[in-house]
Amino acid sequence: MNIYDLVITSVNMPDMDAFKLLELMGLEMGLLVIMLSVHGDTKLVKKGITHGTCDYLFKPTVPKKVLDLMNVEGSQGKT
């Protein structure tokens, strides 16, 4: 059982990037992951999706978008 159902992370962090975080978490944990980035680079978006993120948002983002994503993913039985 997971303590958390959702992880929201920035692509670039001080000690590691989000891809390293995904590797350390292990995708088998069943967590939903939303990545945030200031970069509109489609290569980063594709890399995020192929590494198991459920969505990718660009900063600044509106909190309602995050809540909408949580509701959509939850209604699909993932949370």
Protein backbone atom coordinates (compact mmCIF):
# COMPACT_ATOMS: atom_id res chain seq x y z
CA MET A 1 0.00 0.00 0.00
CA ASN A 2 1.30 3.43 -0.95
CA ILE A 3 1.19 6.32 1.46
CA TYR A 4 0.85 8.64 -1.54
CA ASP A 5 -1.26 8.34 -4.67
CA LEU A 6 0.23 11.24 -6.60
CA VAL A 7 3.65 12.83 -7.08
CA ILE A 8 3.98 16.29 -8.60
CA THR A 9 7.57 17.10 -9.44
CA SER A 10 9.57 19.66 -11.32
CA VAL A 11 11.78 18.33 -14.10
CA ASN A 12 14.76 20.29 -12.78
CA MET A 13 15.54 20.08 -9.07
CA PRO A 14 18.70 21.03 -7.16
CA ASP A 15 20.03 17.51 -6.48
CA MET A 16 18.50 15.46 -9.30
CA ASP A 17 16.08 15.67 -12.17
CA ALA A 18 12.62 14.15 -12.28
CA PHE A 19 13.81 11.25 -14.43
CA LYS A 20 16.27 10.15 -11.74
CA LEU A 21 13.45 10.49 -9.20
CA LEU A 22 11.26 8.20 -11.31
CA GLU A 23 14.09 5.69 -11.47
CA LEU A 24 14.56 5.77 -7.70
CA MET A 25 10.82 5.50 -7.00
CA GLY A 26 10.33 2.58 -9.34
CA LEU A 27 7.33 2.60 -11.63
CA GLU A 28 5.89 -0.54 -10.04
CA MET A 29 4.82 1.52 -7.05
CA GLY A 30 1.67 2.48 -8.96
CA LEU A 31 2.00 6.19 -8.28
CA LEU A 32 0.62 8.82 -10.58
CA VAL A 33 3.33 11.30 -11.56
CA ILE A 34 2.80 14.76 -13.00
CA MET A 35 5.89 16.61 -14.19
CA LEU A 36 6.16 20.39 -14.28
CA SER A 37 8.62 22.32 -16.41
CA VAL A 38 9.32 25.82 -17.64
CA HIS A 39 10.70 24.31 -20.84
CA GLY A 40 8.35 23.69 -23.75
CA ASP A 41 10.74 21.14 -25.22
CA THR A 42 8.75 18.31 -26.80
CA LYS A 43 11.68 15.93 -26.28
CA LEU A 44 11.36 16.41 -22.50
CA VAL A 45 7.61 15.83 -22.69
CA LYS A 46 8.10 12.59 -24.67
CA LYS A 47 10.83 11.46 -22.28
CA GLY A 48 8.53 12.11 -19.32
CA ILE A 49 5.67 10.16 -20.83
CA THR A 50 7.89 7.23 -21.83
CA HIS A 51 9.33 7.15 -18.31
CA GLY A 52 5.87 6.72 -16.80
CA THR A 53 4.44 10.15 -16.06
CA CYS A 54 0.69 10.44 -16.47
CA ASP A 55 0.95 14.06 -17.60
CA TYR A 56 3.27 16.97 -18.16
CA LEU A 57 2.37 20.58 -17.37
CA PHE A 58 4.20 23.76 -18.18
CA LYS A 59 4.98 26.39 -15.53
CA PRO A 60 3.34 28.52 -14.53
CA THR A 61 0.30 26.31 -14.32
CA VAL A 62 -3.14 26.85 -12.91
CA PRO A 63 -3.96 24.77 -9.81
CA LYS A 64 -7.32 23.88 -11.38
CA LYS A 65 -5.46 22.03 -14.16
CA VAL A 66 -3.75 19.84 -11.57
CA LEU A 67 -7.04 19.17 -9.80
CA ASP A 68 -8.69 18.32 -13.13
CA LEU A 69 -5.90 15.83 -13.90
CA MET A 70 -6.29 14.24 -10.48
CA ASN A 71 -10.03 13.84 -11.05
CA VAL A 72 -9.56 12.32 -14.51
CA GLU A 73 -6.92 9.86 -13.34
CA GLY A 74 -8.97 8.99 -10.25
CA SER A 75 -12.07 8.32 -12.32
CA GLN A 76 -10.05 5.87 -14.40
CA GLY A 77 -9.41 3.83 -11.27
CA LYS A 78 -5.76 4.73 -10.84
CA THR A 79 -6.06 6.30 -7.38
